[in-house]
Amino acid sequence: MVFTIVLFALLLQYLESETDPLDAVRGAVHEVASVGDFTGLNFLLCDGRRMYAFHYSTDPERHSMYLQNQSGRELVASEPLGAGSWEELPNGSLAVLTPAGHTLASLI
C-alpha cells in the first residue's frame, strides 16, 4: 500500500511539471524502475478522455495485463475475462486507450 501511495504522488509531481501525459508517466516509471525493489508495477490512470494502462514485471509469470476492444469499449484486466480475443500488454509497455481503440508505447 505504501508503494502505491509513493508511486501516485510521484506521478502527480511529473504530471504537474510535464505538458505531455506520456512524458510524465515515462518519467515516473523510469524513476520507480531505477529503484528495482518490486516484482510488479501495473497501474491505470485516467484524465477523463484517455485511460493509461501500464504493465511492468520483473517476474512476468506472476504479473500480467490484458486489453480487449469490445464494441467501442476498451477493457483492461489482469487476466483474460470471458469470451473474446484478449491482447496481452507487453512487459514495460503503456497502452493509451480511447473509445476508438488503443496505442502502445514501450517505456522500459
PDB file of N, CA and C in Angstrom:
ATOM      1  N   MET A   1       0.823  -1.197   0.000  1.00  0.00           N
ATOM      2  CA  MET A   1       0.000   0.000   0.000  1.00  0.00           C
ATOM      3  C   MET A   1       0.868   1.262   0.000  1.00  0.00           C
ATOM      4  N   VAL A   2       1.923   1.288   0.787  1.00  0.00           N
ATOM      5  CA  VAL A   2       2.786   2.469   0.853  1.00  0.00           C
ATOM      6  C   VAL A   2       3.412   2.737  -0.508  1.00  0.00           C
ATOM      7  N   PHE A   3       3.867   1.662  -1.197  1.00  0.00           N
ATOM      8  CA  PHE A   3       4.476   1.818  -2.516  1.00  0.00           C
ATOM      9  C   PHE A   3       3.492   2.463  -3.489  1.00  0.00           C
ATOM     10  N   THR A   4       2.231   2.079  -3.432  1.00  0.00           N
ATOM     11  CA  THR A   4       1.203   2.629  -4.309  1.00  0.00           C
ATOM     12  C   THR A   4       1.035   4.127  -4.072  1.00  0.00           C
ATOM     13  N   ILE A   5       1.039   4.537  -2.823  1.00  0.00           N
ATOM     14  CA  ILE A   5       0.896   5.955  -2.490  1.00  0.00           C
ATOM     15  C   ILE A   5       2.101   6.747  -2.995  1.00  0.00           C
ATOM     16  N   VAL A   6       3.286   6.191  -2.830  1.00  0.00           N
ATOM     17  CA  VAL A   6       4.503   6.860  -3.302  1.00  0.00           C
ATOM     18  C   VAL A   6       4.476   6.990  -4.828  1.00  0.00           C
ATOM     19  N   LEU A   7       4.105   5.923  -5.524  1.00  0.00           N
ATOM     20  CA  LEU A   7       4.018   5.970  -6.986  1.00  0.00           C
ATOM     21  C   LEU A   7       3.012   7.019  -7.433  1.00  0.00           C
ATOM     22  N   PHE A   8       1.842   7.059  -6.798  1.00  0.00           N
ATOM     23  CA  PHE A   8       0.818   8.025  -7.178  1.00  0.00           C
ATOM     24  C   PHE A   8       1.313   9.455  -6.945  1.00  0.00           C
ATOM     25  N   ALA A   9       1.958   9.707  -5.824  1.00  0.00           N
ATOM     26  CA  ALA A   9       2.495  11.041  -5.540  1.00  0.00           C
ATOM     27  C   ALA A   9       3.555  11.424  -6.576  1.00  0.00           C
ATOM     28  N   LEU A  10       4.390  10.474  -6.943  1.00  0.00           N
ATOM     29  CA  LEU A  10       5.421  10.719  -7.953  1.00  0.00           C
ATOM     30  C   LEU A  10       4.783  11.022  -9.312  1.00  0.00           C
ATOM     31  N   LEU A  11       3.761  10.258  -9.680  1.00  0.00           N
ATOM     32  CA  LEU A  11       3.040  10.518 -10.935  1.00  0.00           C
ATOM     33  C   LEU A  11       2.443  11.921 -10.932  1.00  0.00           C
ATOM     34  N   LEU A  12       1.845  12.323  -9.822  1.00  0.00           N
ATOM     35  CA  LEU A  12       1.255  13.672  -9.741  1.00  0.00           C
ATOM     36  C   LEU A  12       2.318  14.744  -9.924  1.00  0.00           C
ATOM     37  N   GLN A  13       3.494  14.557  -9.330  1.00  0.00           N
ATOM     38  CA  GLN A  13       4.582  15.525  -9.495  1.00  0.00           C
ATOM     39  C   GLN A  13       4.981  15.645 -10.962  1.00  0.00           C
ATOM     40  N   TYR A  14       5.145  14.513 -11.620  1.00  0.00           N
ATOM     41  CA  TYR A  14       5.521  14.540 -13.040  1.00  0.00           C
ATOM     42  C   TYR A  14       4.407  15.138 -13.894  1.00  0.00           C
ATOM     43  N   LEU A  15       3.155  14.826 -13.576  1.00  0.00           N
ATOM     44  CA  LEU A  15       2.037  15.372 -14.347  1.00  0.00           C
ATOM     45  C   LEU A  15       1.947  16.887 -14.211  1.00  0.00           C
ATOM     46  N   GLU A  16       2.329  17.419 -13.066  1.00  0.00           N
ATOM     47  CA  GLU A  16       2.316  18.869 -12.863  1.00  0.00           C
ATOM     48  C   GLU A  16       3.439  19.567 -13.631  1.00  0.00           C
ATOM     49  N   SER A  17       4.555  18.862 -13.852  1.00  0.00           N
ATOM     50  CA  SER A  17       5.711  19.501 -14.478  1.00  0.00           C
ATOM     51  C   SER A  17       5.830  19.226 -15.978  1.00  0.00           C
ATOM     52  N   GLU A  18       5.146  18.229 -16.490  1.00  0.00           N
ATOM     53  CA  GLU A  18       5.218  17.869 -17.912  1.00  0.00           C
ATOM     54  C   GLU A  18       3.941  18.286 -18.628  1.00  0.00           C
ATOM     55  N   THR A  19       4.073  18.730 -19.876  1.00  0.00           N
ATOM     56  CA  THR A  19       2.879  19.085 -20.640  1.00  0.00           C
ATOM     57  C   THR A  19       2.252  17.866 -21.310  1.00  0.00           C
ATOM     58  N   ASP A  20       3.051  16.863 -21.614  1.00  0.00           N
ATOM     59  CA  ASP A  20       2.561  15.645 -22.257  1.00  0.00           C
ATOM     60  C   ASP A  20       2.410  14.547 -21.206  1.00  0.00           C
ATOM     61  N   PRO A  21       1.187  14.022 -21.018  1.00  0.00           N
ATOM     62  CA  PRO A  21       0.995  12.961 -20.020  1.00  0.00           C
ATOM     63  C   PRO A  21       1.892  11.747 -20.255  1.00  0.00           C
ATOM     64  N   LEU A  22       2.178  11.415 -21.514  1.00  0.00           N
ATOM     65  CA  LEU A  22       3.049  10.279 -21.811  1.00  0.00           C
ATOM     66  C   LEU A  22       4.454  10.517 -21.257  1.00  0.00           C
ATOM     67  N   ASP A  23       4.966  11.740 -21.395  1.00  0.00           N
ATOM     68  CA  ASP A  23       6.285  12.065 -20.839  1.00  0.00           C
ATOM     69  C   ASP A  23       6.258  11.994 -19.315  1.00  0.00           C
ATOM     70  N   ALA A  24       5.156  12.410 -18.713  1.00  0.00           N
ATOM     71  CA  ALA A  24       5.028  12.361 -17.252  1.00  0.00           C
ATOM     72  C   ALA A  24       5.036  10.920 -16.757  1.00  0.00           C
ATOM     73  N   VAL A  25       4.265  10.071 -17.400  1.00  0.00           N
ATOM     74  CA  VAL A  25       4.224   8.661 -17.000  1.00  0.00           C
ATOM     75  C   VAL A  25       5.596   8.020 -17.216  1.00  0.00           C
ATOM     76  N   ARG A  26       6.215   8.319 -18.361  1.00  0.00           N
ATOM     77  CA  ARG A  26       7.545   7.772 -18.653  1.00  0.00           C
ATOM     78  C   ARG A  26       8.551   8.181 -17.570  1.00  0.00           C
ATOM     79  N   GLY A  27       8.555   9.437 -17.179  1.00  0.00           N
ATOM     80  CA  GLY A  27       9.481   9.907 -16.164  1.00  0.00           C
ATOM     81  C   GLY A  27       9.271   9.232 -14.823  1.00  0.00           C
ATOM     82  N   ALA A  28       8.017   9.124 -14.399  1.00  0.00           N
ATOM     83  CA  ALA A  28       7.714   8.486 -13.113  1.00  0.00           C
ATOM     84  C   ALA A  28       8.080   7.006 -13.142  1.00  0.00           C
ATOM     85  N   VAL A  29       7.755   6.329 -14.233  1.00  0.00           N
ATOM     86  CA  VAL A  29       8.058   4.897 -14.349  1.00  0.00           C
ATOM     87  C   VAL A  29       9.565   4.660 -14.316  1.00  0.00           C
ATOM     88  N   HIS A  30      10.313   5.474 -15.031  1.00  0.00           N
ATOM     89  CA  HIS A  30      11.775   5.300 -15.038  1.00  0.00           C
ATOM     90  C   HIS A  30      12.368   5.538 -13.653  1.00  0.00           C
ATOM     91  N   GLU A  31      11.832   6.520 -12.945  1.00  0.00           N
ATOM     92  CA  GLU A  31      12.344   6.783 -11.595  1.00  0.00           C
ATOM     93  C   GLU A  31      12.050   5.610 -10.662  1.00  0.00           C
ATOM     94  N   VAL A  32      10.828   5.087 -10.722  1.00  0.00           N
ATOM     95  CA  VAL A  32      10.463   3.948  -9.868  1.00  0.00           C
ATOM     96  C   VAL A  32      11.245   2.703 -10.273  1.00  0.00           C
ATOM     97  N   ALA A  33      11.373   2.453 -11.580  1.00  0.00           N
ATOM     98  CA  ALA A  33      12.070   1.254 -12.052  1.00  0.00           C
ATOM     99  C   ALA A  33      13.550   1.280 -11.675  1.00  0.00           C
ATOM    100  N   SER A  34      14.118   2.463 -11.517  1.00  0.00           N
ATOM    101  CA  SER A  34      15.528   2.548 -11.157  1.00  0.00           C
ATOM    102  C   SER A  34      15.788   2.041  -9.739  1.00  0.00           C
ATOM    103  N   VAL A  35      14.759   2.052  -8.899  1.00  0.00           N
ATOM    104  CA  VAL A  35      14.881   1.513  -7.541  1.00  0.00           C
ATOM    105  C   VAL A  35      14.963  -0.008  -7.606  1.00  0.00           C
ATOM    106  N   GLY A  36      14.108  -0.602  -8.445  1.00  0.00           N
ATOM    107  CA  GLY A  36      14.158  -2.034  -8.706  1.00  0.00           C
ATOM    108  C   GLY A  36      13.786  -2.946  -7.562  1.00  0.00           C
ATOM    109  N   ASP A  37      13.133  -2.441  -6.537  1.00  0.00           N
ATOM    110  CA  ASP A  37      12.776  -3.256  -5.379  1.00  0.00           C
ATOM    111  C   ASP A  37      11.294  -3.631  -5.413  1.00  0.00           C
ATOM    112  N   PHE A  38      10.865  -4.272  -6.490  1.00  0.00           N
ATOM    113  CA  PHE A  38       9.477  -4.692  -6.634  1.00  0.00           C
ATOM    114  C   PHE A  38       9.423  -5.812  -7.664  1.00  0.00           C
ATOM    115  N   THR A  39       8.310  -6.522  -7.706  1.00  0.00           N
ATOM    116  CA  THR A  39       8.146  -7.559  -8.732  1.00  0.00           C
ATOM    117  C   THR A  39       7.164  -7.140  -9.807  1.00  0.00           C
ATOM    118  N   GLY A  40       6.208  -6.274  -9.471  1.00  0.00           N
ATOM    119  CA  GLY A  40       5.220  -5.859 -10.449  1.00  0.00           C
ATOM    120  C   GLY A  40       4.866  -4.398 -10.311  1.00  0.00           C
ATOM    121  N   LEU A  41       4.644  -3.762 -11.447  1.00  0.00           N
ATOM    122  CA  LEU A  41       4.249  -2.359 -11.480  1.00  0.00           C
ATOM    123  C   LEU A  41       3.164  -2.224 -12.544  1.00  0.00           C
ATOM    124  N   ASN A  42       1.936  -2.452 -12.149  1.00  0.00           N
ATOM    125  CA  ASN A  42       0.779  -2.303 -13.032  1.00  0.00           C
ATOM    126  C   ASN A  42      -0.080  -1.175 -12.489  1.00  0.00           C
ATOM    127  N   PHE A  43      -0.519  -0.275 -13.378  1.00  0.00           N
ATOM    128  CA  PHE A  43      -1.450   0.747 -12.911  1.00  0.00           C
ATOM    129  C   PHE A  43      -2.299   1.273 -14.055  1.00  0.00           C
ATOM    130  N   LEU A  44      -3.420   1.884 -13.677  1.00  0.00           N
ATOM    131  CA  LEU A  44      -4.323   2.569 -14.591  1.00  0.00           C
ATOM    132  C   LEU A  44      -4.396   4.018 -14.162  1.00  0.00           C
ATOM    133  N   LEU A  45      -4.435   4.920 -15.120  1.00  0.00           N
ATOM    134  CA  LEU A  45      -4.543   6.344 -14.857  1.00  0.00           C
ATOM    135  C   LEU A  45      -5.494   6.915 -15.896  1.00  0.00           C
ATOM    136  N   CYS A  46      -6.406   7.774 -15.476  1.00  0.00           N
ATOM    137  CA  CYS A  46      -7.384   8.334 -16.409  1.00  0.00           C
ATOM    138  C   CYS A  46      -7.414   9.846 -16.270  1.00  0.00           C
ATOM    139  N   ASP A  47      -7.459  10.553 -17.402  1.00  0.00           N
ATOM    140  CA  ASP A  47      -7.551  12.014 -17.379  1.00  0.00           C
ATOM    141  C   ASP A  47      -8.927  12.513 -17.806  1.00  0.00           C
ATOM    142  N   GLY A  48      -9.892  11.603 -17.917  1.00  0.00           N
ATOM    143  CA  GLY A  48     -11.239  11.984 -18.326  1.00  0.00           C
ATOM    144  C   GLY A  48     -11.497  11.796 -19.810  1.00  0.00           C
ATOM    145  N   ARG A  49     -10.441  11.730 -20.605  1.00  0.00           N
ATOM    146  CA  ARG A  49     -10.576  11.490 -22.049  1.00  0.00           C
ATOM    147  C   ARG A  49      -9.876  10.219 -22.475  1.00  0.00           C
ATOM    148  N   ARG A  50      -8.768   9.931 -21.806  1.00  0.00           N
ATOM    149  CA  ARG A  50      -7.970   8.750 -22.130  1.00  0.00           C
ATOM    150  C   ARG A  50      -7.685   7.984 -20.840  1.00  0.00           C
ATOM    151  N   MET A  51      -7.478   6.683 -21.006  1.00  0.00           N
ATOM    152  CA  MET A  51      -7.001   5.882 -19.884  1.00  0.00           C
ATOM    153  C   MET A  51      -5.626   5.359 -20.275  1.00  0.00           C
ATOM    154  N   TYR A  52      -4.727   5.369 -19.306  1.00  0.00           N
ATOM    155  CA  TYR A  52      -3.377   4.866 -19.496  1.00  0.00           C
ATOM    156  C   TYR A  52      -3.237   3.597 -18.670  1.00  0.00           C
ATOM    157  N   ALA A  53      -2.840   2.518 -19.317  1.00  0.00           N
ATOM    158  CA  ALA A  53      -2.640   1.237 -18.629  1.00  0.00           C
ATOM    159  C   ALA A  53      -1.177   0.858 -18.796  1.00  0.00           C
ATOM    160  N   PHE A  54      -0.480   0.723 -17.681  1.00  0.00           N
ATOM    161  CA  PHE A  54       0.934   0.389 -17.721  1.00  0.00           C
ATOM    162  C   PHE A  54       1.167  -0.960 -17.078  1.00  0.00           C
ATOM    163  N   HIS A  55       2.063  -1.744 -17.692  1.00  0.00           N
ATOM    164  CA  HIS A  55       2.422  -3.069 -17.169  1.00  0.00           C
ATOM    165  C   HIS A  55       3.933  -3.253 -17.211  1.00  0.00           C
ATOM    166  N   TYR A  56       4.490  -3.597 -16.045  1.00  0.00           N
ATOM    167  CA  TYR A  56       5.901  -3.972 -15.972  1.00  0.00           C
ATOM    168  C   TYR A  56       6.061  -4.979 -14.844  1.00  0.00           C
ATOM    169  N   SER A  57       6.837  -6.021 -15.091  1.00  0.00           N
ATOM    170  CA  SER A  57       7.064  -7.040 -14.079  1.00  0.00           C
ATOM    171  C   SER A  57       8.474  -7.592 -14.186  1.00  0.00           C
ATOM    172  N   THR A  58       9.103  -7.762 -13.039  1.00  0.00           N
ATOM    173  CA  THR A  58      10.393  -8.452 -13.015  1.00  0.00           C
ATOM    174  C   THR A  58      10.163  -9.957 -12.960  1.00  0.00           C
ATOM    175  N   ASP A  59       8.909 -10.359 -12.806  1.00  0.00           N
ATOM    176  CA  ASP A  59       8.505 -11.769 -12.779  1.00  0.00           C
ATOM    177  C   ASP A  59       7.262 -11.928 -13.658  1.00  0.00           C
ATOM    178  N   PRO A  60       7.437 -11.937 -15.006  1.00  0.00           N
ATOM    179  CA  PRO A  60       6.294 -11.956 -15.921  1.00  0.00           C
ATOM    180  C   PRO A  60       5.335 -13.134 -15.732  1.00  0.00           C
ATOM    181  N   GLU A  61       5.784 -14.222 -15.140  1.00  0.00           N
ATOM    182  CA  GLU A  61       4.887 -15.346 -14.886  1.00  0.00           C
ATOM    183  C   GLU A  61       3.873 -15.013 -13.796  1.00  0.00           C
ATOM    184  N   ARG A  62       4.179 -14.005 -13.006  1.00  0.00           N
ATOM    185  CA  ARG A  62       3.351 -13.666 -11.848  1.00  0.00           C
ATOM    186  C   ARG A  62       2.406 -12.499 -12.104  1.00  0.00           C
ATOM    187  N   HIS A  63       2.811 -11.544 -12.944  1.00  0.00           N
ATOM    188  CA  HIS A  63       2.027 -10.338 -13.189  1.00  0.00           C
ATOM    189  C   HIS A  63       1.767 -10.193 -14.685  1.00  0.00           C
ATOM    190  N   SER A  64       0.554  -9.756 -15.026  1.00  0.00           N
ATOM    191  CA  SER A  64       0.210  -9.558 -16.428  1.00  0.00           C
ATOM    192  C   SER A  64      -0.868  -8.484 -16.536  1.00  0.00           C
ATOM    193  N   MET A  65      -1.143  -8.072 -17.781  1.00  0.00           N
ATOM    194  CA  MET A  65      -2.233  -7.147 -18.058  1.00  0.00           C
ATOM    195  C   MET A  65      -2.709  -7.418 -19.482  1.00  0.00           C
ATOM    196  N   TYR A  66      -4.029  -7.418 -19.663  1.00  0.00           N
ATOM    197  CA  TYR A  66      -4.629  -7.731 -20.954  1.00  0.00           C
ATOM    198  C   TYR A  66      -5.594  -6.634 -21.380  1.00  0.00           C
ATOM    199  N   LEU A  67      -5.742  -6.476 -22.710  1.00  0.00           N
ATOM    200  CA  LEU A  67      -6.631  -5.478 -23.295  1.00  0.00           C
ATOM    201  C   LEU A  67      -7.601  -6.167 -24.242  1.00  0.00           C
ATOM    202  N   GLN A  68      -8.792  -5.587 -24.323  1.00  0.00           N
ATOM    203  CA  GLN A  68      -9.771  -6.082 -25.290  1.00  0.00           C
ATOM    204  C   GLN A  68     -10.637  -4.921 -25.746  1.00  0.00           C
ATOM    205  N   ASN A  69     -10.864  -4.820 -27.065  1.00  0.00           N
ATOM    206  CA  ASN A  69     -11.816  -3.850 -27.594  1.00  0.00           C
ATOM    207  C   ASN A  69     -13.126  -4.590 -27.794  1.00  0.00           C
ATOM    208  N   GLN A  70     -14.180  -4.071 -27.187  1.00  0.00           N
ATOM    209  CA  GLN A  70     -15.472  -4.748 -27.236  1.00  0.00           C
ATOM    210  C   GLN A  70     -16.540  -3.720 -27.585  1.00  0.00           C
ATOM    211  N   SER A  71     -16.921  -3.688 -28.851  1.00  0.00           N
ATOM    212  CA  SER A  71     -17.975  -2.783 -29.321  1.00  0.00           C
ATOM    213  C   SER A  71     -17.710  -1.330 -28.941  1.00  0.00           C
ATOM    214  N   GLY A  72     -16.515  -0.848 -29.231  1.00  0.00           N
ATOM    215  CA  GLY A  72     -16.179   0.540 -28.950  1.00  0.00           C
ATOM    216  C   GLY A  72     -15.781   0.817 -27.512  1.00  0.00           C
ATOM    217  N   ARG A  73     -15.647  -0.220 -26.712  1.00  0.00           N
ATOM    218  CA  ARG A  73     -15.194  -0.064 -25.328  1.00  0.00           C
ATOM    219  C   ARG A  73     -13.866  -0.772 -25.179  1.00  0.00           C
ATOM    220  N   GLU A  74     -12.933  -0.129 -24.542  1.00  0.00           N
ATOM    221  CA  GLU A  74     -11.642  -0.739 -24.268  1.00  0.00           C
ATOM    222  C   GLU A  74     -11.669  -1.303 -22.854  1.00  0.00           C
ATOM    223  N   LEU A  75     -11.389  -2.576 -22.717  1.00  0.00           N
ATOM    224  CA  LEU A  75     -11.372  -3.240 -21.424  1.00  0.00           C
ATOM    225  C   LEU A  75      -9.934  -3.554 -21.031  1.00  0.00           C
ATOM    226  N   VAL A  76      -9.658  -3.484 -19.726  1.00  0.00           N
ATOM    227  CA  VAL A  76      -8.341  -3.798 -19.182  1.00  0.00           C
ATOM    228  C   VAL A  76      -8.542  -4.756 -18.022  1.00  0.00           C
ATOM    229  N   ALA A  77      -7.740  -5.808 -17.978  1.00  0.00           N
ATOM    230  CA  ALA A  77      -7.844  -6.780 -16.884  1.00  0.00           C
ATOM    231  C   ALA A  77      -6.480  -7.413 -16.637  1.00  0.00           C
ATOM    232  N   SER A  78      -6.292  -7.920 -15.420  1.00  0.00           N
ATOM    233  CA  SER A  78      -5.035  -8.588 -15.100  1.00  0.00           C
ATOM    234  C   SER A  78      -4.975  -9.983 -15.703  1.00  0.00           C
ATOM    235  N   GLU A  79      -6.119 -10.538 -16.028  1.00  0.00           N
ATOM    236  CA  GLU A  79      -6.230 -11.843 -16.694  1.00  0.00           C
ATOM    237  C   GLU A  79      -7.388 -11.761 -17.686  1.00  0.00           C
ATOM    238  N   PRO A  80      -7.347 -12.524 -18.790  1.00  0.00           N
ATOM    239  CA  PRO A  80      -8.472 -12.522 -19.726  1.00  0.00           C
ATOM    240  C   PRO A  80      -9.761 -12.937 -19.020  1.00  0.00           C
ATOM    241  N   LEU A  81     -10.824 -12.194 -19.289  1.00  0.00           N
ATOM    242  CA  LEU A  81     -12.121 -12.477 -18.682  1.00  0.00           C
ATOM    243  C   LEU A  81     -13.127 -12.836 -19.769  1.00  0.00           C
ATOM    244  N   GLY A  82     -13.838 -13.921 -19.607  1.00  0.00           N
ATOM    245  CA  GLY A  82     -14.907 -14.278 -20.532  1.00  0.00           C
ATOM    246  C   GLY A  82     -14.429 -14.533 -21.948  1.00  0.00           C
ATOM    247  N   ALA A  83     -15.387 -14.491 -22.841  1.00  0.00           N
ATOM    248  CA  ALA A  83     -15.114 -14.788 -24.247  1.00  0.00           C
ATOM    249  C   ALA A  83     -14.472 -13.589 -24.930  1.00  0.00           C
ATOM    250  N   GLY A  84     -13.983 -13.823 -26.109  1.00  0.00           N
ATOM    251  CA  GLY A  84     -13.408 -12.754 -26.906  1.00  0.00           C
ATOM    252  C   GLY A  84     -11.898 -12.847 -26.969  1.00  0.00           C
ATOM    253  N   SER A  85     -11.356 -12.020 -27.806  1.00  0.00           N
ATOM    254  CA  SER A  85      -9.917 -12.012 -28.040  1.00  0.00           C
ATOM    255  C   SER A  85      -9.259 -10.966 -27.145  1.00  0.00           C
ATOM    256  N   TRP A  86      -8.368 -11.412 -26.291  1.00  0.00           N
ATOM    257  CA  TRP A  86      -7.630 -10.535 -25.395  1.00  0.00           C
ATOM    258  C   TRP A  86      -6.194 -10.403 -25.894  1.00  0.00           C
ATOM    259  N   GLU A  87      -5.668  -9.191 -25.832  1.00  0.00           N
ATOM    260  CA  GLU A  87      -4.296  -8.908 -26.241  1.00  0.00           C
ATOM    261  C   GLU A  87      -3.461  -8.673 -24.983  1.00  0.00           C
ATOM    262  N   GLU A  88      -2.370  -9.420 -24.831  1.00  0.00           N
ATOM    263  CA  GLU A  88      -1.516  -9.213 -23.676  1.00  0.00           C
ATOM    264  C   GLU A  88      -0.696  -7.942 -23.868  1.00  0.00           C
ATOM    265  N   LEU A  89      -0.703  -7.088 -22.852  1.00  0.00           N
ATOM    266  CA  LEU A  89       0.097  -5.872 -22.892  1.00  0.00           C
ATOM    267  C   LEU A  89       1.555  -6.266 -22.670  1.00  0.00           C
ATOM    268  N   PRO A  90       2.437  -5.965 -23.618  1.00  0.00           N
ATOM    269  CA  PRO A  90       3.837  -6.372 -23.478  1.00  0.00           C
ATOM    270  C   PRO A  90       4.485  -5.768 -22.227  1.00  0.00           C
ATOM    271  N   ASN A  91       5.394  -6.511 -21.650  1.00  0.00           N
ATOM    272  CA  ASN A  91       6.099  -6.063 -20.453  1.00  0.00           C
ATOM    273  C   ASN A  91       6.823  -4.747 -20.730  1.00  0.00           C
ATOM    274  N   GLY A  92       6.650  -3.771 -19.841  1.00  0.00           N
ATOM    275  CA  GLY A  92       7.283  -2.469 -19.999  1.00  0.00           C
ATOM    276  C   GLY A  92       6.532  -1.515 -20.897  1.00  0.00           C
ATOM    277  N   SER A  93       5.275  -1.856 -21.239  1.00  0.00           N
ATOM    278  CA  SER A  93       4.509  -1.053 -22.186  1.00  0.00           C
ATOM    279  C   SER A  93       3.368  -0.287 -21.522  1.00  0.00           C
ATOM    280  N   LEU A  94       3.047   0.824 -22.159  1.00  0.00           N
ATOM    281  CA  LEU A  94       1.923   1.662 -21.759  1.00  0.00           C
ATOM    282  C   LEU A  94       0.910   1.649 -22.897  1.00  0.00           C
ATOM    283  N   ALA A  95      -0.341   1.345 -22.579  1.00  0.00           N
ATOM    284  CA  ALA A  95      -1.422   1.445 -23.558  1.00  0.00           C
ATOM    285  C   ALA A  95      -2.175   2.738 -23.280  1.00  0.00           C
ATOM    286  N   VAL A  96      -2.409   3.521 -24.326  1.00  0.00           N
ATOM    287  CA  VAL A  96      -3.216   4.730 -24.223  1.00  0.00           C
ATOM    288  C   VAL A  96      -4.546   4.382 -24.876  1.00  0.00           C
ATOM    289  N   LEU A  97      -5.602   4.316 -24.052  1.00  0.00           N
ATOM    290  CA  LEU A  97      -6.905   3.831 -24.501  1.00  0.00           C
ATOM    291  C   LEU A  97      -7.889   4.974 -24.696  1.00  0.00           C
ATOM    292  N   THR A  98      -8.605   4.923 -25.828  1.00  0.00           N
ATOM    293  CA  THR A  98      -9.673   5.861 -26.136  1.00  0.00           C
ATOM    294  C   THR A  98     -10.846   5.049 -26.659  1.00  0.00           C
ATOM    295  N   PRO A  99     -12.026   5.664 -26.826  1.00  0.00           N
ATOM    296  CA  PRO A  99     -13.144   4.901 -27.399  1.00  0.00           C
ATOM    297  C   PRO A  99     -12.848   4.341 -28.785  1.00  0.00           C
ATOM    298  N   ALA A 100     -11.918   4.948 -29.517  1.00  0.00           N
ATOM    299  CA  ALA A 100     -11.579   4.495 -30.863  1.00  0.00           C
ATOM    300  C   ALA A 100     -10.598   3.315 -30.873  1.00  0.00           C
ATOM    301  N   GLY A 101     -10.002   2.997 -29.739  1.00  0.00           N
ATOM    302  CA  GLY A 101      -9.016   1.920 -29.692  1.00  0.00           C
ATOM    303  C   GLY A 101      -7.859   2.307 -28.787  1.00  0.00           C
ATOM    304  N   HIS A 102      -6.713   1.666 -29.023  1.00  0.00           N
ATOM    305  CA  HIS A 102      -5.567   1.971 -28.180  1.00  0.00           C
ATOM    306  C   HIS A 102      -4.277   1.976 -29.001  1.00  0.00           C
ATOM    307  N   THR A 103      -3.301   2.701 -28.455  1.00  0.00           N
ATOM    308  CA  THR A 103      -1.952   2.697 -28.999  1.00  0.00           C
ATOM    309  C   THR A 103      -1.016   2.221 -27.905  1.00  0.00           C
ATOM    310  N   LEU A 104       0.117   1.684 -28.291  1.00  0.00           N
ATOM    311  CA  LEU A 104       1.102   1.179 -27.339  1.00  0.00           C
ATOM    312  C   LEU A 104       2.390   1.971 -27.438  1.00  0.00           C
ATOM    313  N   ALA A 105       2.997   2.190 -26.269  1.00  0.00           N
ATOM    314  CA  ALA A 105       4.314   2.818 -26.198  1.00  0.00           C
ATOM    315  C   ALA A 105       5.177   1.995 -25.263  1.00  0.00           C
ATOM    316  N   SER A 106       6.395   1.716 -25.684  1.00  0.00           N
ATOM    317  CA  SER A 106       7.325   0.984 -24.839  1.00  0.00           C
ATOM    318  C   SER A 106       8.033   1.979 -23.931  1.00  0.00           C
ATOM    319  N   LEU A 107       7.921   1.795 -22.608  1.00  0.00           N
ATOM    320  CA  LEU A 107       8.539   2.716 -21.669  1.00  0.00           C
ATOM    321  C   LEU A 107       9.793   2.157 -21.031  1.00  0.00           C
ATOM    322  N   ILE A 108       9.885   0.846 -20.939  1.00  0.00           N
ATOM    323  CA  ILE A 108      11.061   0.204 -20.324  1.00  0.00           C
ATOM    324  C   ILE A 108      11.583  -0.842 -21.294  1.00  0.00           C
TER     325      ILE A 108
END
